[in-house]
Amino acid sequence: MRRPELRLIRDALEAVLSPELAAATVDEAVRAMPNALSSPAELVALVNGPLRTALTKRQGSAADDVIDDLLRVLVARTPSPKTSSQDITREIMLETAQVFVFVLSSSEALAGELERVLGTQLVATLTYDEPQRVRKAIGFKPPSIVLIDGASFPLIEPSDLPEILGALPPTSVRAVWGTDTPYGAAAVAELTAKRVAFTPLDRREGVTPVVDLVRARRVR
């Protein structure tokens, strides 16, 4: 419990669990997290992933409210990425911190490949399969990039994507990976019809176009 945020997480759990069970729940989540928890984005990933799973085992659906409150507090404590104010293009495109990516997918594979190729010092990912959770997450902290996985598509109707992505600020990039897939093509059609700007990425080139997109958000 060296990081003050971990102490905050444990204190929050003690509101619904005994101190002993709260400590055990946090320890279980930390052991399941492969990263060193050295950045705010990794702490958010801990709470939204392993901690949500561990608490759900003990509290069922009531865990979601606790986790969502924790995410709100952690995001409020996270400094905003620095940007250049010289012109709007640089303000939109460049960041000095980790690039924070939401992956809309039914699988962790694409997110895991991004972190493997780029390293967690450069990119932090969260994967969402359901519309309600991604809406809440966008409300807490808009990501640098929202990436729609056309191959392992989420449980989100393509017709809902314009509304979900439309809630993002102009500084967030919207991208569709796998425009050649049925879901990717449907996503492209819906976003185009509603005039939501997005970046199409060719899945046949593997993860390379996604890696290039993430690197483009970094200050040289």
C-alpha atoms as a PDB file:
ATOM      1  CA  MET A   1       0.000   0.000   0.000  1.00  0.00           C
ATOM      2  CA  ARG A   2       2.767   2.429  -0.825  1.00  0.00           C
ATOM      3  CA  ARG A   3       0.716   4.502  -3.265  1.00  0.00           C
ATOM      4  CA  PRO A   4      -1.845   6.777  -1.571  1.00  0.00           C
ATOM      5  CA  GLU A   5      -4.373   5.743  -4.242  1.00  0.00           C
ATOM      6  CA  LEU A   6      -4.170   2.111  -3.057  1.00  0.00           C
ATOM      7  CA  ARG A   7      -4.900   3.285   0.479  1.00  0.00           C
ATOM      8  CA  LEU A   8      -7.877   5.224  -0.895  1.00  0.00           C
ATOM      9  CA  ILE A   9      -9.107   2.100  -2.730  1.00  0.00           C
ATOM     10  CA  ARG A  10      -8.889  -0.002   0.413  1.00  0.00           C
ATOM     11  CA  ASP A  11     -10.692   2.639   2.481  1.00  0.00           C
ATOM     12  CA  ALA A  12     -13.510   2.716  -0.087  1.00  0.00           C
ATOM     13  CA  LEU A  13     -13.903  -1.054   0.068  1.00  0.00           C
ATOM     14  CA  GLU A  14     -14.075  -0.972   3.853  1.00  0.00           C
ATOM     15  CA  ALA A  15     -17.368   0.884   3.463  1.00  0.00           C
ATOM     16  CA  VAL A  16     -18.920  -2.343   2.154  1.00  0.00           C
ATOM     17  CA  LEU A  17     -16.547  -5.056   3.437  1.00  0.00           C
ATOM     18  CA  SER A  18     -14.749  -5.852   6.668  1.00  0.00           C
ATOM     19  CA  PRO A  19     -11.188  -4.470   6.854  1.00  0.00           C
ATOM     20  CA  GLU A  20      -9.774  -7.970   6.465  1.00  0.00           C
ATOM     21  CA  LEU A  21     -11.928  -8.776   3.422  1.00  0.00           C
ATOM     22  CA  ALA A  22     -11.222  -5.366   1.887  1.00  0.00           C
ATOM     23  CA  ALA A  23      -7.477  -5.966   2.200  1.00  0.00           C
ATOM     24  CA  ALA A  24      -7.821  -9.447   0.700  1.00  0.00           C
ATOM     25  CA  THR A  25      -9.857  -8.080  -2.215  1.00  0.00           C
ATOM     26  CA  VAL A  26      -7.263  -5.408  -3.035  1.00  0.00           C
ATOM     27  CA  ASP A  27      -4.419  -7.935  -2.740  1.00  0.00           C
ATOM     28  CA  GLU A  28      -6.213 -10.327  -5.108  1.00  0.00           C
ATOM     29  CA  ALA A  29      -6.673  -7.564  -7.666  1.00  0.00           C
ATOM     30  CA  VAL A  30      -3.059  -6.369  -7.432  1.00  0.00           C
ATOM     31  CA  ARG A  31      -1.738  -9.931  -7.925  1.00  0.00           C
ATOM     32  CA  ALA A  32      -3.858 -10.214 -11.094  1.00  0.00           C
ATOM     33  CA  MET A  33      -2.437  -6.984 -12.529  1.00  0.00           C
ATOM     34  CA  PRO A  34       0.710  -7.657 -14.587  1.00  0.00           C
ATOM     35  CA  ASN A  35       1.880  -4.036 -14.536  1.00  0.00           C
ATOM     36  CA  ALA A  36       3.753  -2.308 -11.741  1.00  0.00           C
ATOM     37  CA  LEU A  37       1.005   0.264 -11.038  1.00  0.00           C
ATOM     38  CA  SER A  38       3.488   3.023 -11.723  1.00  0.00           C
ATOM     39  CA  SER A  39       1.057   5.402 -13.424  1.00  0.00           C
ATOM     40  CA  PRO A  40      -2.464   6.778 -12.913  1.00  0.00           C
ATOM     41  CA  ALA A  41      -3.680   4.960 -16.023  1.00  0.00           C
ATOM     42  CA  GLU A  42      -2.524   1.610 -14.617  1.00  0.00           C
ATOM     43  CA  LEU A  43      -4.376   2.299 -11.365  1.00  0.00           C
ATOM     44  CA  VAL A  44      -7.543   3.027 -13.335  1.00  0.00           C
ATOM     45  CA  ALA A  45      -7.023  -0.246 -15.218  1.00  0.00           C
ATOM     46  CA  LEU A  46      -6.583  -2.085 -11.910  1.00  0.00           C
ATOM     47  CA  VAL A  47      -9.845  -0.731 -10.533  1.00  0.00           C
ATOM     48  CA  ASN A  48     -11.867  -1.221 -13.703  1.00  0.00           C
ATOM     49  CA  GLY A  49     -10.503  -4.727 -14.338  1.00  0.00           C
ATOM     50  CA  PRO A  50      -9.184  -7.045 -11.593  1.00  0.00           C
ATOM     51  CA  LEU A  51     -10.686  -5.082  -8.699  1.00  0.00           C
ATOM     52  CA  ARG A  52     -14.137  -4.988 -10.303  1.00  0.00           C
ATOM     53  CA  THR A  53     -13.914  -8.764 -10.835  1.00  0.00           C
ATOM     54  CA  ALA A  54     -12.711  -9.467  -7.287  1.00  0.00           C
ATOM     55  CA  LEU A  55     -15.368  -7.262  -5.689  1.00  0.00           C
ATOM     56  CA  THR A  56     -18.139  -8.696  -7.857  1.00  0.00           C
ATOM     57  CA  LYS A  57     -17.319 -12.153  -6.459  1.00  0.00           C
ATOM     58  CA  ARG A  58     -18.132 -10.822  -3.011  1.00  0.00           C
ATOM     59  CA  GLN A  59     -20.818  -8.194  -3.659  1.00  0.00           C
ATOM     60  CA  GLY A  60     -22.454  -9.190  -6.938  1.00  0.00           C
ATOM     61  CA  SER A  61     -23.936  -6.375  -9.028  1.00  0.00           C
ATOM     62  CA  ALA A  62     -23.634  -3.972  -6.067  1.00  0.00           C
ATOM     63  CA  ALA A  63     -19.898  -3.862  -6.807  1.00  0.00           C
ATOM     64  CA  ASP A  64     -20.443  -1.727  -9.913  1.00  0.00           C
ATOM     65  CA  ASP A  65     -21.516   1.362  -7.949  1.00  0.00           C
ATOM     66  CA  VAL A  66     -18.478   1.110  -5.651  1.00  0.00           C
ATOM     67  CA  ILE A  67     -16.100   0.670  -8.587  1.00  0.00           C
ATOM     68  CA  ASP A  68     -17.674   3.490 -10.587  1.00  0.00           C
ATOM     69  CA  ASP A  69     -17.331   5.864  -7.627  1.00  0.00           C
ATOM     70  CA  LEU A  70     -13.688   4.846  -7.219  1.00  0.00           C
ATOM     71  CA  LEU A  71     -12.988   5.477 -10.891  1.00  0.00           C
ATOM     72  CA  ARG A  72     -14.533   8.927 -10.614  1.00  0.00           C
ATOM     73  CA  VAL A  73     -12.281   9.793  -7.670  1.00  0.00           C
ATOM     74  CA  LEU A  74      -9.120   8.411  -9.296  1.00  0.00           C
ATOM     75  CA  VAL A  75      -9.737  10.275 -12.533  1.00  0.00           C
ATOM     76  CA  ALA A  76     -10.323  13.511 -10.625  1.00  0.00           C
ATOM     77  CA  ARG A  77      -6.877  13.050  -9.043  1.00  0.00           C
ATOM     78  CA  THR A  78      -5.152  12.416 -12.393  1.00  0.00           C
ATOM     79  CA  PRO A  79      -3.433  15.435 -14.009  1.00  0.00           C
ATOM     80  CA  SER A  80      -4.593  16.198 -17.525  1.00  0.00           C
ATOM     81  CA  PRO A  81      -2.042  15.431 -20.250  1.00  0.00           C
ATOM     82  CA  LYS A  82       0.021  18.451 -21.272  1.00  0.00           C
ATOM     83  CA  THR A  83      -0.667  19.880 -24.688  1.00  0.00           C
ATOM     84  CA  SER A  84       0.727  22.644 -26.812  1.00  0.00           C
ATOM     85  CA  SER A  85      -1.427  25.730 -27.269  1.00  0.00           C
ATOM     86  CA  GLN A  86       0.410  26.924 -30.386  1.00  0.00           C
ATOM     87  CA  ASP A  87      -2.368  25.730 -32.686  1.00  0.00           C
ATOM     88  CA  ILE A  88      -5.448  23.502 -32.609  1.00  0.00           C
ATOM     89  CA  THR A  89      -3.793  20.712 -34.620  1.00  0.00           C
ATOM     90  CA  ARG A  90      -1.045  20.190 -32.068  1.00  0.00           C
ATOM     91  CA  GLU A  91      -3.532  20.494 -29.230  1.00  0.00           C
ATOM     92  CA  ILE A  92      -5.612  17.682 -30.677  1.00  0.00           C
ATOM     93  CA  MET A  93      -2.838  15.370 -31.792  1.00  0.00           C
ATOM     94  CA  LEU A  94       0.022  15.483 -29.302  1.00  0.00           C
ATOM     95  CA  GLU A  95       0.368  14.263 -25.715  1.00  0.00           C
ATOM     96  CA  THR A  96       3.294  13.909 -23.340  1.00  0.00           C
ATOM     97  CA  ALA A  97       1.797  11.292 -21.000  1.00  0.00           C
ATOM     98  CA  GLN A  98       0.708   7.734 -21.748  1.00  0.00           C
ATOM     99  CA  VAL A  99      -1.738   7.472 -24.618  1.00  0.00           C
ATOM    100  CA  PHE A 100      -5.006   6.282 -23.066  1.00  0.00           C
ATOM    101  CA  VAL A 101      -6.966   3.986 -25.407  1.00  0.00           C
ATOM    102  CA  PHE A 102     -10.474   2.564 -25.026  1.00  0.00           C
ATOM    103  CA  VAL A 103     -10.885  -0.579 -27.121  1.00  0.00           C
ATOM    104  CA  LEU A 104     -14.487  -1.512 -27.957  1.00  0.00           C
ATOM    105  CA  SER A 105     -14.182  -5.269 -28.299  1.00  0.00           C
ATOM    106  CA  SER A 106     -15.394  -8.607 -26.947  1.00  0.00           C
ATOM    107  CA  SER A 107     -11.764  -9.711 -26.552  1.00  0.00           C
ATOM    108  CA  GLU A 108      -8.677  -8.405 -24.755  1.00  0.00           C
ATOM    109  CA  ALA A 109      -6.481  -9.570 -27.647  1.00  0.00           C
ATOM    110  CA  LEU A 110      -6.147  -6.268 -29.517  1.00  0.00           C
ATOM    111  CA  ALA A 111      -5.534  -4.249 -26.361  1.00  0.00           C
ATOM    112  CA  GLY A 112      -3.002  -6.791 -25.151  1.00  0.00           C
ATOM    113  CA  GLU A 113      -1.144  -6.706 -28.451  1.00  0.00           C
ATOM    114  CA  LEU A 114      -0.974  -2.910 -28.331  1.00  0.00           C
ATOM    115  CA  GLU A 115       0.540  -2.952 -24.845  1.00  0.00           C
ATOM    116  CA  ARG A 116       2.950  -5.740 -25.836  1.00  0.00           C
ATOM    117  CA  VAL A 117       4.230  -3.875 -28.906  1.00  0.00           C
ATOM    118  CA  LEU A 118       4.320  -0.362 -27.451  1.00  0.00           C
ATOM    119  CA  GLY A 119       4.895  -1.022 -23.768  1.00  0.00           C
ATOM    120  CA  THR A 120       2.823   0.255 -20.879  1.00  0.00           C
ATOM    121  CA  GLN A 121       5.003   3.342 -20.514  1.00  0.00           C
ATOM    122  CA  LEU A 122       3.629   4.580 -23.842  1.00  0.00           C
ATOM    123  CA  VAL A 123       0.082   3.194 -23.944  1.00  0.00           C
ATOM    124  CA  ALA A 124      -2.589   2.206 -21.435  1.00  0.00           C
ATOM    125  CA  THR A 125      -5.704   0.383 -22.612  1.00  0.00           C
ATOM    126  CA  LEU A 126      -9.137  -0.451 -21.264  1.00  0.00           C
ATOM    127  CA  THR A 127     -11.442  -2.843 -23.118  1.00  0.00           C
ATOM    128  CA  TYR A 128     -15.227  -2.414 -23.098  1.00  0.00           C
ATOM    129  CA  ASP A 129     -17.837  -4.798 -24.438  1.00  0.00           C
ATOM    130  CA  GLU A 130     -21.038  -3.109 -23.264  1.00  0.00           C
ATOM    131  CA  PRO A 131     -22.430   0.329 -24.172  1.00  0.00           C
ATOM    132  CA  GLN A 132     -23.350   1.347 -20.624  1.00  0.00           C
ATOM    133  CA  ARG A 133     -19.833   0.882 -19.285  1.00  0.00           C
ATOM    134  CA  VAL A 134     -18.132   2.721 -22.108  1.00  0.00           C
ATOM    135  CA  ARG A 135     -20.550   5.646 -21.710  1.00  0.00           C
ATOM    136  CA  LYS A 136     -19.710   5.847 -17.998  1.00  0.00           C
ATOM    137  CA  ALA A 137     -15.990   5.579 -18.691  1.00  0.00           C
ATOM    138  CA  ILE A 138     -16.092   8.370 -21.263  1.00  0.00           C
ATOM    139  CA  GLY A 139     -17.921  10.503 -18.702  1.00  0.00           C
ATOM    140  CA  PHE A 140     -15.172   9.906 -16.122  1.00  0.00           C
ATOM    141  CA  LYS A 141     -12.177  10.568 -18.358  1.00  0.00           C
ATOM    142  CA  PRO A 142     -12.291  10.816 -22.155  1.00  0.00           C
ATOM    143  CA  PRO A 143      -9.517   8.714 -23.696  1.00  0.00           C
ATOM    144  CA  SER A 144      -6.968   9.787 -26.277  1.00  0.00           C
ATOM    145  CA  ILE A 145      -8.301   7.186 -28.717  1.00  0.00           C
ATOM    146  CA  VAL A 146     -11.433   5.043 -28.964  1.00  0.00           C
ATOM    147  CA  LEU A 147     -10.713   2.004 -31.124  1.00  0.00           C
ATOM    148  CA  ILE A 148     -13.564  -0.112 -32.502  1.00  0.00           C
ATOM    149  CA  ASP A 149     -12.464  -3.716 -33.053  1.00  0.00           C
ATOM    150  CA  GLY A 150     -14.338  -4.916 -36.132  1.00  0.00           C
ATOM    151  CA  ALA A 151     -12.967  -8.458 -35.825  1.00  0.00           C
ATOM    152  CA  SER A 152     -13.906  -9.188 -32.186  1.00  0.00           C
ATOM    153  CA  PHE A 153     -16.779  -6.757 -32.105  1.00  0.00           C
ATOM    154  CA  PRO A 154     -18.400  -5.594 -28.847  1.00  0.00           C
ATOM    155  CA  LEU A 155     -21.986  -6.069 -27.725  1.00  0.00           C
ATOM    156  CA  ILE A 156     -22.782  -2.601 -29.030  1.00  0.00           C
ATOM    157  CA  GLU A 157     -25.144  -2.049 -31.941  1.00  0.00           C
ATOM    158  CA  PRO A 158     -23.409  -0.177 -34.782  1.00  0.00           C
ATOM    159  CA  SER A 159     -26.332   2.263 -34.748  1.00  0.00           C
ATOM    160  CA  ASP A 160     -25.370   3.235 -31.161  1.00  0.00           C
ATOM    161  CA  LEU A 161     -21.782   4.112 -32.062  1.00  0.00           C
ATOM    162  CA  PRO A 162     -22.423   7.657 -33.395  1.00  0.00           C
ATOM    163  CA  GLU A 163     -24.071   8.665 -30.115  1.00  0.00           C
ATOM    164  CA  ILE A 164     -21.359   7.042 -27.984  1.00  0.00           C
ATOM    165  CA  LEU A 165     -18.457   8.483 -29.981  1.00  0.00           C
ATOM    166  CA  GLY A 166     -20.252  11.793 -30.387  1.00  0.00           C
ATOM    167  CA  ALA A 167     -19.901  12.316 -26.620  1.00  0.00           C
ATOM    168  CA  LEU A 168     -16.117  12.454 -26.960  1.00  0.00           C
ATOM    169  CA  PRO A 169     -14.328  15.819 -27.032  1.00  0.00           C
ATOM    170  CA  PRO A 170     -12.632  16.951 -30.271  1.00  0.00           C
ATOM    171  CA  THR A 171      -9.263  15.951 -28.773  1.00  0.00           C
ATOM    172  CA  SER A 172     -10.196  12.241 -28.845  1.00  0.00           C
ATOM    173  CA  VAL A 173      -9.530  10.205 -31.980  1.00  0.00           C
ATOM    174  CA  ARG A 174     -12.190   7.732 -33.137  1.00  0.00           C
ATOM    175  CA  ALA A 175     -10.916   4.773 -35.159  1.00  0.00           C
ATOM    176  CA  VAL A 176     -12.341   1.609 -36.726  1.00  0.00           C
ATOM    177  CA  TRP A 177      -9.934  -1.331 -37.060  1.00  0.00           C
ATOM    178  CA  GLY A 178     -11.224  -3.915 -39.507  1.00  0.00           C
ATOM    179  CA  THR A 179     -13.397  -1.976 -41.918  1.00  0.00           C
ATOM    180  CA  ASP A 180     -13.419  -5.105 -44.115  1.00  0.00           C
ATOM    181  CA  THR A 181     -15.443  -7.066 -41.522  1.00  0.00           C
ATOM    182  CA  PRO A 182     -19.267  -7.005 -41.429  1.00  0.00           C
ATOM    183  CA  TYR A 183     -19.288  -5.175 -38.073  1.00  0.00           C
ATOM    184  CA  GLY A 184     -16.556  -2.759 -39.163  1.00  0.00           C
ATOM    185  CA  ALA A 185     -18.410  -1.972 -42.391  1.00  0.00           C
ATOM    186  CA  ALA A 186     -21.633  -1.380 -40.461  1.00  0.00           C
ATOM    187  CA  ALA A 187     -19.776   0.901 -38.021  1.00  0.00           C
ATOM    188  CA  VAL A 188     -18.307   2.887 -40.916  1.00  0.00           C
ATOM    189  CA  ALA A 189     -21.749   3.248 -42.513  1.00  0.00           C
ATOM    190  CA  GLU A 190     -23.358   4.506 -39.290  1.00  0.00           C
ATOM    191  CA  LEU A 191     -20.571   6.945 -38.457  1.00  0.00           C
ATOM    192  CA  THR A 192     -20.494   8.273 -42.007  1.00  0.00           C
ATOM    193  CA  ALA A 193     -24.273   8.725 -42.097  1.00  0.00           C
ATOM    194  CA  LYS A 194     -24.185  10.731 -38.841  1.00  0.00           C
ATOM    195  CA  ARG A 195     -21.102  12.672 -39.945  1.00  0.00           C
ATOM    196  CA  VAL A 196     -18.970  11.514 -37.029  1.00  0.00           C
ATOM    197  CA  ALA A 197     -15.314  11.901 -37.926  1.00  0.00           C
ATOM    198  CA  PHE A 198     -13.292   8.691 -37.653  1.00  0.00           C
ATOM    199  CA  THR A 199     -10.091   7.061 -38.877  1.00  0.00           C
ATOM    200  CA  PRO A 200     -10.436   3.787 -40.854  1.00  0.00           C
ATOM    201  CA  LEU A 201      -7.645   1.254 -40.205  1.00  0.00           C
ATOM    202  CA  ASP A 202      -6.831  -1.713 -42.449  1.00  0.00           C
ATOM    203  CA  ARG A 203      -6.891  -4.949 -40.459  1.00  0.00           C
ATOM    204  CA  ARG A 204      -4.961  -6.733 -43.235  1.00  0.00           C
ATOM    205  CA  GLU A 205      -1.866  -4.791 -42.132  1.00  0.00           C
ATOM    206  CA  GLY A 206      -2.154  -6.270 -38.651  1.00  0.00           C
ATOM    207  CA  VAL A 207      -1.769  -4.078 -35.596  1.00  0.00           C
ATOM    208  CA  THR A 208       0.710  -1.746 -37.352  1.00  0.00           C
ATOM    209  CA  PRO A 209      -1.848   0.964 -38.305  1.00  0.00           C
ATOM    210  CA  VAL A 210      -3.076   1.079 -34.704  1.00  0.00           C
ATOM    211  CA  VAL A 211       0.473   1.331 -33.382  1.00  0.00           C
ATOM    212  CA  ASP A 212       1.171   4.192 -35.787  1.00  0.00           C
ATOM    213  CA  LEU A 213      -1.996   5.974 -34.642  1.00  0.00           C
ATOM    214  CA  VAL A 214      -0.939   5.732 -30.994  1.00  0.00           C
ATOM    215  CA  ARG A 215       2.577   6.927 -31.758  1.00  0.00           C
ATOM    216  CA  ALA A 216       1.145   9.900 -33.640  1.00  0.00           C
ATOM    217  CA  ARG A 217      -0.385  11.115 -30.368  1.00  0.00           C
ATOM    218  CA  ARG A 218       2.991  11.371 -28.676  1.00  0.00           C
ATOM    219  CA  VAL A 219       5.144  14.487 -28.510  1.00  0.00           C
ATOM    220  CA  ARG A 220       8.419  13.815 -30.332  1.00  0.00           C
END
